PDB file of N, CA and C in Angstrom:
ATOM      1  N   MET A   1     -80.416   2.452   1.966  1.00  0.00           N
ATOM      2  CA  MET A   1     -79.121   2.782   1.381  1.00  0.00           C
ATOM      3  C   MET A   1     -78.547   1.512   0.754  1.00  0.00           C
ATOM      4  N   GLN A   2     -78.062   1.609  -0.445  1.00  0.00           N
ATOM      5  CA  GLN A   2     -77.494   0.466  -1.150  1.00  0.00           C
ATOM      6  C   GLN A   2     -75.986   0.415  -0.951  1.00  0.00           C
ATOM      7  N   PHE A   3     -75.449  -0.783  -0.930  1.00  0.00           N
ATOM      8  CA  PHE A   3     -74.010  -0.984  -0.802  1.00  0.00           C
ATOM      9  C   PHE A   3     -73.617  -2.082  -1.762  1.00  0.00           C
ATOM     10  N   GLY A   4     -72.617  -1.825  -2.591  1.00  0.00           N
ATOM     11  CA  GLY A   4     -72.196  -2.835  -3.556  1.00  0.00           C
ATOM     12  C   GLY A   4     -73.292  -3.089  -4.568  1.00  0.00           C
ATOM     13  N   GLY A   5     -73.642  -4.334  -4.773  1.00  0.00           N
ATOM     14  CA  GLY A   5     -74.679  -4.704  -5.735  1.00  0.00           C
ATOM     15  C   GLY A   5     -76.056  -4.465  -5.164  1.00  0.00           C
ATOM     16  N   ASN A   6     -76.793  -5.544  -4.932  1.00  0.00           N
ATOM     17  CA  ASN A   6     -78.151  -5.440  -4.402  1.00  0.00           C
ATOM     18  C   ASN A   6     -78.193  -5.632  -2.890  1.00  0.00           C
ATOM     19  N   LYS A   7     -77.043  -5.690  -2.278  1.00  0.00           N
ATOM     20  CA  LYS A   7     -76.968  -5.922  -0.838  1.00  0.00           C
ATOM     21  C   LYS A   7     -77.419  -4.671  -0.082  1.00  0.00           C
ATOM     22  N   GLN A   8     -78.387  -4.835   0.774  1.00  0.00           N
ATOM     23  CA  GLN A   8     -78.898  -3.723   1.576  1.00  0.00           C
ATOM     24  C   GLN A   8     -77.938  -3.464   2.730  1.00  0.00           C
ATOM     25  N   LEU A   9     -77.545  -2.219   2.895  1.00  0.00           N
ATOM     26  CA  LEU A   9     -76.624  -1.851   3.960  1.00  0.00           C
ATOM     27  C   LEU A   9     -77.409  -1.514   5.220  1.00  0.00           C
ATOM     28  N   ASP A  10     -77.096  -2.187   6.302  1.00  0.00           N
ATOM     29  CA  ASP A  10     -77.705  -1.932   7.600  1.00  0.00           C
ATOM     30  C   ASP A  10     -76.768  -0.994   8.357  1.00  0.00           C
ATOM     31  N   VAL A  11     -77.040   0.300   8.314  1.00  0.00           N
ATOM     32  CA  VAL A  11     -76.158   1.314   8.885  1.00  0.00           C
ATOM     33  C   VAL A  11     -76.039   1.153  10.397  1.00  0.00           C
ATOM     34  N   VAL A  12     -77.123   0.838  11.057  1.00  0.00           N
ATOM     35  CA  VAL A  12     -77.089   0.672  12.515  1.00  0.00           C
ATOM     36  C   VAL A  12     -76.160  -0.486  12.873  1.00  0.00           C
ATOM     37  N   ARG A  13     -76.265  -1.585  12.144  1.00  0.00           N
ATOM     38  CA  ARG A  13     -75.398  -2.734  12.416  1.00  0.00           C
ATOM     39  C   ARG A  13     -73.946  -2.401  12.098  1.00  0.00           C
ATOM     40  N   LEU A  14     -73.711  -1.690  10.999  1.00  0.00           N
ATOM     41  CA  LEU A  14     -72.349  -1.298  10.638  1.00  0.00           C
ATOM     42  C   LEU A  14     -71.714  -0.476  11.758  1.00  0.00           C
ATOM     43  N   LYS A  15     -72.460   0.490  12.280  1.00  0.00           N
ATOM     44  CA  LYS A  15     -71.927   1.322  13.361  1.00  0.00           C
ATOM     45  C   LYS A  15     -71.662   0.503  14.618  1.00  0.00           C
ATOM     46  N   SER A  16     -72.540  -0.427  14.915  1.00  0.00           N
ATOM     47  CA  SER A  16     -72.357  -1.298  16.076  1.00  0.00           C
ATOM     48  C   SER A  16     -71.133  -2.192  15.890  1.00  0.00           C
ATOM     49  N   ASP A  17     -70.985  -2.759  14.692  1.00  0.00           N
ATOM     50  CA  ASP A  17     -69.830  -3.605  14.407  1.00  0.00           C
ATOM     51  C   ASP A  17     -68.524  -2.823  14.493  1.00  0.00           C
ATOM     52  N   LEU A  18     -68.532  -1.588  13.993  1.00  0.00           N
ATOM     53  CA  LEU A  18     -67.327  -0.753  14.071  1.00  0.00           C
ATOM     54  C   LEU A  18     -66.973  -0.420  15.514  1.00  0.00           C
ATOM     55  N   ALA A  19     -67.985  -0.136  16.330  1.00  0.00           N
ATOM     56  CA  ALA A  19     -67.728   0.161  17.744  1.00  0.00           C
ATOM     57  C   ALA A  19     -67.150  -1.062  18.446  1.00  0.00           C
ATOM     58  N   ALA A  20     -67.712  -2.236  18.189  1.00  0.00           N
ATOM     59  CA  ALA A  20     -67.206  -3.467  18.811  1.00  0.00           C
ATOM     60  C   ALA A  20     -65.779  -3.761  18.340  1.00  0.00           C
ATOM     61  N   ALA A  21     -65.528  -3.584  17.053  1.00  0.00           N
ATOM     62  CA  ALA A  21     -64.183  -3.818  16.525  1.00  0.00           C
ATOM     63  C   ALA A  21     -63.189  -2.843  17.145  1.00  0.00           C
ATOM     64  N   GLY A  22     -63.619  -1.614  17.365  1.00  0.00           N
ATOM     65  CA  GLY A  22     -62.748  -0.625  17.989  1.00  0.00           C
ATOM     66  C   GLY A  22     -62.328  -1.041  19.395  1.00  0.00           C
ATOM     67  N   VAL A  23     -63.267  -1.579  20.154  1.00  0.00           N
ATOM     68  CA  VAL A  23     -62.965  -2.055  21.507  1.00  0.00           C
ATOM     69  C   VAL A  23     -61.995  -3.233  21.452  1.00  0.00           C
ATOM     70  N   GLU A  24     -62.247  -4.165  20.525  1.00  0.00           N
ATOM     71  CA  GLU A  24     -61.371  -5.330  20.403  1.00  0.00           C
ATOM     72  C   GLU A  24     -59.967  -4.927  19.943  1.00  0.00           C
ATOM     73  N   LEU A  25     -59.881  -3.962  19.037  1.00  0.00           N
ATOM     74  CA  LEU A  25     -58.572  -3.489  18.584  1.00  0.00           C
ATOM     75  C   LEU A  25     -57.813  -2.805  19.719  1.00  0.00           C
ATOM     76  N   LEU A  26     -58.523  -2.022  20.527  1.00  0.00           N
ATOM     77  CA  LEU A  26     -57.884  -1.367  21.669  1.00  0.00           C
ATOM     78  C   LEU A  26     -57.361  -2.405  22.655  1.00  0.00           C
ATOM     79  N   SER A  27     -58.134  -3.461  22.879  1.00  0.00           N
ATOM     80  CA  SER A  27     -57.700  -4.541  23.765  1.00  0.00           C
ATOM     81  C   SER A  27     -56.441  -5.220  23.218  1.00  0.00           C
ATOM     82  N   ALA A  28     -56.417  -5.482  21.912  1.00  0.00           N
ATOM     83  CA  ALA A  28     -55.239  -6.105  21.297  1.00  0.00           C
ATOM     84  C   ALA A  28     -54.027  -5.184  21.385  1.00  0.00           C
ATOM     85  N   GLN A  29     -54.254  -3.889  21.208  1.00  0.00           N
ATOM     86  CA  GLN A  29     -53.151  -2.939  21.310  1.00  0.00           C
ATOM     87  C   GLN A  29     -52.598  -2.918  22.732  1.00  0.00           C
ATOM     88  N   CYS A  30     -53.466  -2.955  23.724  1.00  0.00           N
ATOM     89  CA  CYS A  30     -53.013  -2.974  25.122  1.00  0.00           C
ATOM     90  C   CYS A  30     -52.209  -4.239  25.415  1.00  0.00           C
ATOM     91  N   ALA A  31     -52.661  -5.389  24.895  1.00  0.00           N
ATOM     92  CA  ALA A  31     -51.934  -6.641  25.099  1.00  0.00           C
ATOM     93  C   ALA A  31     -50.556  -6.564  24.453  1.00  0.00           C
ATOM     94  N   ALA A  32     -50.494  -6.035  23.247  1.00  0.00           N
ATOM     95  CA  ALA A  32     -49.197  -5.898  22.564  1.00  0.00           C
ATOM     96  C   ALA A  32     -48.290  -4.937  23.321  1.00  0.00           C
ATOM     97  N   ASP A  33     -48.856  -3.855  23.839  1.00  0.00           N
ATOM     98  CA  ASP A  33     -48.055  -2.891  24.602  1.00  0.00           C
ATOM     99  C   ASP A  33     -47.489  -3.517  25.877  1.00  0.00           C
ATOM    100  N   ARG A  34     -48.280  -4.358  26.551  1.00  0.00           N
ATOM    101  CA  ARG A  34     -47.777  -5.035  27.756  1.00  0.00           C
ATOM    102  C   ARG A  34     -46.559  -5.887  27.417  1.00  0.00           C
ATOM    103  N   VAL A  35     -46.657  -6.634  26.322  1.00  0.00           N
ATOM    104  CA  VAL A  35     -45.524  -7.474  25.909  1.00  0.00           C
ATOM    105  C   VAL A  35     -44.347  -6.598  25.495  1.00  0.00           C
ATOM    106  N   ARG A  36     -44.627  -5.561  24.730  1.00  0.00           N
ATOM    107  CA  ARG A  36     -43.573  -4.660  24.236  1.00  0.00           C
ATOM    108  C   ARG A  36     -42.814  -3.996  25.373  1.00  0.00           C
ATOM    109  N   LEU A  37     -43.530  -3.588  26.408  1.00  0.00           N
ATOM    110  CA  LEU A  37     -42.899  -2.889  27.525  1.00  0.00           C
ATOM    111  C   LEU A  37     -42.155  -3.828  28.476  1.00  0.00           C
ATOM    112  N   GLN A  38     -42.535  -5.096  28.468  1.00  0.00           N
ATOM    113  CA  GLN A  38     -41.933  -6.034  29.413  1.00  0.00           C
ATOM    114  C   GLN A  38     -40.762  -6.812  28.822  1.00  0.00           C
ATOM    115  N   TYR A  39     -40.747  -7.010  27.507  1.00  0.00           N
ATOM    116  CA  TYR A  39     -39.730  -7.861  26.897  1.00  0.00           C
ATOM    117  C   TYR A  39     -39.071  -7.154  25.716  1.00  0.00           C
ATOM    118  N   SER A  40     -37.819  -7.486  25.488  1.00  0.00           N
ATOM    119  CA  SER A  40     -37.106  -6.922  24.340  1.00  0.00           C
ATOM    120  C   SER A  40     -37.507  -7.690  23.078  1.00  0.00           C
ATOM    121  N   PRO A  41     -37.384  -7.046  21.915  1.00  0.00           N
ATOM    122  CA  PRO A  41     -37.651  -7.772  20.671  1.00  0.00           C
ATOM    123  C   PRO A  41     -36.796  -9.042  20.557  1.00  0.00           C
ATOM    124  N   ASN A  42     -35.547  -8.969  21.004  1.00  0.00           N
ATOM    125  CA  ASN A  42     -34.672 -10.140  20.950  1.00  0.00           C
ATOM    126  C   ASN A  42     -35.213 -11.280  21.809  1.00  0.00           C
ATOM    127  N   ASP A  43     -35.676 -10.971  23.021  1.00  0.00           N
ATOM    128  CA  ASP A  43     -36.245 -12.004  23.890  1.00  0.00           C
ATOM    129  C   ASP A  43     -37.505 -12.607  23.266  1.00  0.00           C
ATOM    130  N   ILE A  44     -38.328 -11.767  22.667  1.00  0.00           N
ATOM    131  CA  ILE A  44     -39.558 -12.250  22.027  1.00  0.00           C
ATOM    132  C   ILE A  44     -39.229 -13.222  20.903  1.00  0.00           C
ATOM    133  N   VAL A  45     -38.246 -12.853  20.077  1.00  0.00           N
ATOM    134  CA  VAL A  45     -37.857 -13.710  18.953  1.00  0.00           C
ATOM    135  C   VAL A  45     -37.185 -14.991  19.458  1.00  0.00           C
ATOM    136  N   THR A  46     -36.338 -14.864  20.473  1.00  0.00           N
ATOM    137  CA  THR A  46     -35.594 -16.016  20.976  1.00  0.00           C
ATOM    138  C   THR A  46     -36.486 -17.016  21.694  1.00  0.00           C
ATOM    139  N   PHE A  47     -37.402 -16.530  22.529  1.00  0.00           N
ATOM    140  CA  PHE A  47     -38.166 -17.427  23.388  1.00  0.00           C
ATOM    141  C   PHE A  47     -39.638 -17.565  22.998  1.00  0.00           C
ATOM    142  N   GLY A  48     -40.133 -16.691  22.144  1.00  0.00           N
ATOM    143  CA  GLY A  48     -41.532 -16.767  21.735  1.00  0.00           C
ATOM    144  C   GLY A  48     -41.784 -17.921  20.785  1.00  0.00           C
ATOM    145  N   GLU A  49     -43.014 -18.393  20.789  1.00  0.00           N
ATOM    146  CA  GLU A  49     -43.397 -19.470  19.874  1.00  0.00           C
ATOM    147  C   GLU A  49     -43.475 -18.906  18.457  1.00  0.00           C
ATOM    148  N   ARG A  50     -42.661 -19.448  17.587  1.00  0.00           N
ATOM    149  CA  ARG A  50     -42.512 -18.919  16.225  1.00  0.00           C
ATOM    150  C   ARG A  50     -43.853 -18.846  15.482  1.00  0.00           C
ATOM    151  N   SER A  51     -44.647 -19.896  15.569  1.00  0.00           N
ATOM    152  CA  SER A  51     -45.913 -19.899  14.830  1.00  0.00           C
ATOM    153  C   SER A  51     -46.878 -18.844  15.378  1.00  0.00           C
ATOM    154  N   ALA A  52     -46.892 -18.649  16.691  1.00  0.00           N
ATOM    155  CA  ALA A  52     -47.757 -17.615  17.280  1.00  0.00           C
ATOM    156  C   ALA A  52     -47.294 -16.226  16.847  1.00  0.00           C
ATOM    157  N   LEU A  53     -45.982 -16.019  16.815  1.00  0.00           N
ATOM    158  CA  LEU A  53     -45.455 -14.723  16.362  1.00  0.00           C
ATOM    159  C   LEU A  53     -45.809 -14.467  14.899  1.00  0.00           C
ATOM    160  N   LYS A  54     -45.685 -15.489  14.064  1.00  0.00           N
ATOM    161  CA  LYS A  54     -46.004 -15.318  12.643  1.00  0.00           C
ATOM    162  C   LYS A  54     -47.489 -15.039  12.441  1.00  0.00           C
ATOM    163  N   ARG A  55     -48.345 -15.689  13.217  1.00  0.00           N
ATOM    164  CA  ARG A  55     -49.792 -15.415  13.120  1.00  0.00           C
ATOM    165  C   ARG A  55     -50.096 -13.990  13.560  1.00  0.00           C
ATOM    166  N   ALA A  56     -49.452 -13.534  14.634  1.00  0.00           N
ATOM    167  CA  ALA A  56     -49.673 -12.176  15.117  1.00  0.00           C
ATOM    168  C   ALA A  56     -49.200 -11.153  14.086  1.00  0.00           C
ATOM    169  N   ILE A  57     -48.065 -11.412  13.474  1.00  0.00           N
ATOM    170  CA  ILE A  57     -47.539 -10.513  12.445  1.00  0.00           C
ATOM    171  C   ILE A  57     -48.466 -10.482  11.243  1.00  0.00           C
ATOM    172  N   ALA A  58     -48.959 -11.646  10.820  1.00  0.00           N
ATOM    173  CA  ALA A  58     -49.887 -11.703   9.686  1.00  0.00           C
ATOM    174  C   ALA A  58     -51.170 -10.938   9.998  1.00  0.00           C
ATOM    175  N   SER A  59     -51.664 -11.061  11.224  1.00  0.00           N
ATOM    176  CA  SER A  59     -52.878 -10.331  11.625  1.00  0.00           C
ATOM    177  C   SER A  59     -52.639  -8.828  11.599  1.00  0.00           C
ATOM    178  N   ALA A  60     -51.501  -8.410  12.139  1.00  0.00           N
ATOM    179  CA  ALA A  60     -51.174  -6.980  12.158  1.00  0.00           C
ATOM    180  C   ALA A  60     -51.036  -6.436  10.741  1.00  0.00           C
ATOM    181  N   GLU A  61     -50.404  -7.200   9.859  1.00  0.00           N
ATOM    182  CA  GLU A  61     -50.256  -6.757   8.472  1.00  0.00           C
ATOM    183  C   GLU A  61     -51.602  -6.651   7.777  1.00  0.00           C
ATOM    184  N   SER A  62     -52.484  -7.607   8.027  1.00  0.00           N
ATOM    185  CA  SER A  62     -53.822  -7.583   7.438  1.00  0.00           C
ATOM    186  C   SER A  62     -54.612  -6.368   7.924  1.00  0.00           C
ATOM    187  N   LEU A  63     -54.542  -6.102   9.220  1.00  0.00           N
ATOM    188  CA  LEU A  63     -55.217  -4.922   9.775  1.00  0.00           C
ATOM    189  C   LEU A  63     -54.659  -3.640   9.179  1.00  0.00           C
ATOM    190  N   TYR A  64     -53.352  -3.587   9.013  1.00  0.00           N
ATOM    191  CA  TYR A  64     -52.726  -2.403   8.425  1.00  0.00           C
ATOM    192  C   TYR A  64     -53.232  -2.170   7.006  1.00  0.00           C
ATOM    193  N   ARG A  65     -53.288  -3.234   6.202  1.00  0.00           N
ATOM    194  CA  ARG A  65     -53.781  -3.095   4.825  1.00  0.00           C
ATOM    195  C   ARG A  65     -55.231  -2.613   4.814  1.00  0.00           C
ATOM    196  N   PHE A  66     -56.071  -3.211   5.647  1.00  0.00           N
ATOM    197  CA  PHE A  66     -57.484  -2.844   5.694  1.00  0.00           C
ATOM    198  C   PHE A  66     -57.664  -1.380   6.096  1.00  0.00           C
ATOM    199  N   PHE A  67     -57.023  -0.977   7.187  1.00  0.00           N
ATOM    200  CA  PHE A  67     -57.207   0.388   7.656  1.00  0.00           C
ATOM    201  C   PHE A  67     -56.504   1.409   6.768  1.00  0.00           C
ATOM    202  N   SER A  68     -55.488   1.004   6.038  1.00  0.00           N
ATOM    203  CA  SER A  68     -54.874   1.893   5.041  1.00  0.00           C
ATOM    204  C   SER A  68     -55.869   2.184   3.921  1.00  0.00           C
ATOM    205  N   GLN A  69     -56.633   1.172   3.523  1.00  0.00           N
ATOM    206  CA  GLN A  69     -57.674   1.374   2.503  1.00  0.00           C
ATOM    207  C   GLN A  69     -58.749   2.327   3.024  1.00  0.00           C
ATOM    208  N   ILE A  70     -59.160   2.135   4.266  1.00  0.00           N
ATOM    209  CA  ILE A  70     -60.169   3.015   4.868  1.00  0.00           C
ATOM    210  C   ILE A  70     -59.635   4.436   4.958  1.00  0.00           C
ATOM    211  N   ASP A  71     -58.382   4.591   5.380  1.00  0.00           N
ATOM    212  CA  ASP A  71     -57.759   5.910   5.488  1.00  0.00           C
ATOM    213  C   ASP A  71     -57.707   6.603   4.125  1.00  0.00           C
ATOM    214  N   ALA A  72     -57.338   5.870   3.097  1.00  0.00           N
ATOM    215  CA  ALA A  72     -57.276   6.445   1.747  1.00  0.00           C
ATOM    216  C   ALA A  72     -58.663   6.890   1.295  1.00  0.00           C
ATOM    217  N   GLN A  73     -59.679   6.086   1.613  1.00  0.00           N
ATOM    218  CA  GLN A  73     -61.059   6.441   1.242  1.00  0.00           C
ATOM    219  C   GLN A  73     -61.507   7.700   1.980  1.00  0.00           C
ATOM    220  N   ILE A  74     -61.173   7.798   3.260  1.00  0.00           N
ATOM    221  CA  ILE A  74     -61.510   9.000   4.037  1.00  0.00           C
ATOM    222  C   ILE A  74     -60.862  10.231   3.402  1.00  0.00           C
ATOM    223  N   LYS A  75     -59.585  10.113   3.044  1.00  0.00           N
ATOM    224  CA  LYS A  75     -58.875  11.245   2.437  1.00  0.00           C
ATOM    225  C   LYS A  75     -59.499  11.649   1.106  1.00  0.00           C
ATOM    226  N   ARG A  76     -59.943  10.661   0.312  1.00  0.00           N
ATOM    227  CA  ARG A  76     -60.609  10.983  -0.953  1.00  0.00           C
ATOM    228  C   ARG A  76     -61.915  11.718  -0.695  1.00  0.00           C
ATOM    229  N   HIS A  77     -62.687  11.251   0.275  1.00  0.00           N
ATOM    230  CA  HIS A  77     -63.958  11.910   0.604  1.00  0.00           C
ATOM    231  C   HIS A  77     -63.729  13.333   1.127  1.00  0.00           C
ATOM    232  N   GLU A  78     -62.705  13.503   1.962  1.00  0.00           N
ATOM    233  CA  GLU A  78     -62.406  14.836   2.483  1.00  0.00           C
ATOM    234  C   GLU A  78     -61.920  15.762   1.377  1.00  0.00           C
ATOM    235  N   GLY A  79     -61.195  15.221   0.409  1.00  0.00           N
ATOM    236  CA  GLY A  79     -60.713  16.023  -0.706  1.00  0.00           C
ATOM    237  C   GLY A  79     -61.813  16.497  -1.613  1.00  0.00           C
ATOM    238  N   THR A  80     -62.889  15.720  -1.740  1.00  0.00           N
ATOM    239  CA  THR A  80     -64.004  16.118  -2.601  1.00  0.00           C
ATOM    240  C   THR A  80     -64.932  17.099  -1.917  1.00  0.00           C
ATOM    241  N   ARG A  81     -64.825  17.222  -0.624  1.00  0.00           N
ATOM    242  CA  ARG A  81     -65.715  18.137   0.132  1.00  0.00           C
ATOM    243  C   ARG A  81     -65.170  19.552   0.212  1.00  0.00           C
ATOM    244  N   LYS A  82     -63.909  19.731  -0.201  1.00  0.00           N
ATOM    245  CA  LYS A  82     -63.301  21.070  -0.086  1.00  0.00           C
ATOM    246  C   LYS A  82     -63.724  21.957  -1.207  1.00  0.00           C
TER     247      LYS A  82
END
């Protein structure tokens, strides 16, 4: 199976990478939920390390953009199958 230009797509590796990423994302979500449930947004902003918060926000925004692209692609594929 071809992907992009001449790059050979390794489907087995892609599926493995997606499964591993899913586990890591679930772990990150659980960590964020622990903080969210234990501290108020005001406490986080007041006492949290600003640079760590900005890095976390940038990571979350990047993930949102990436998965929004994937979601849009899924919707396009589902629309063509009807």
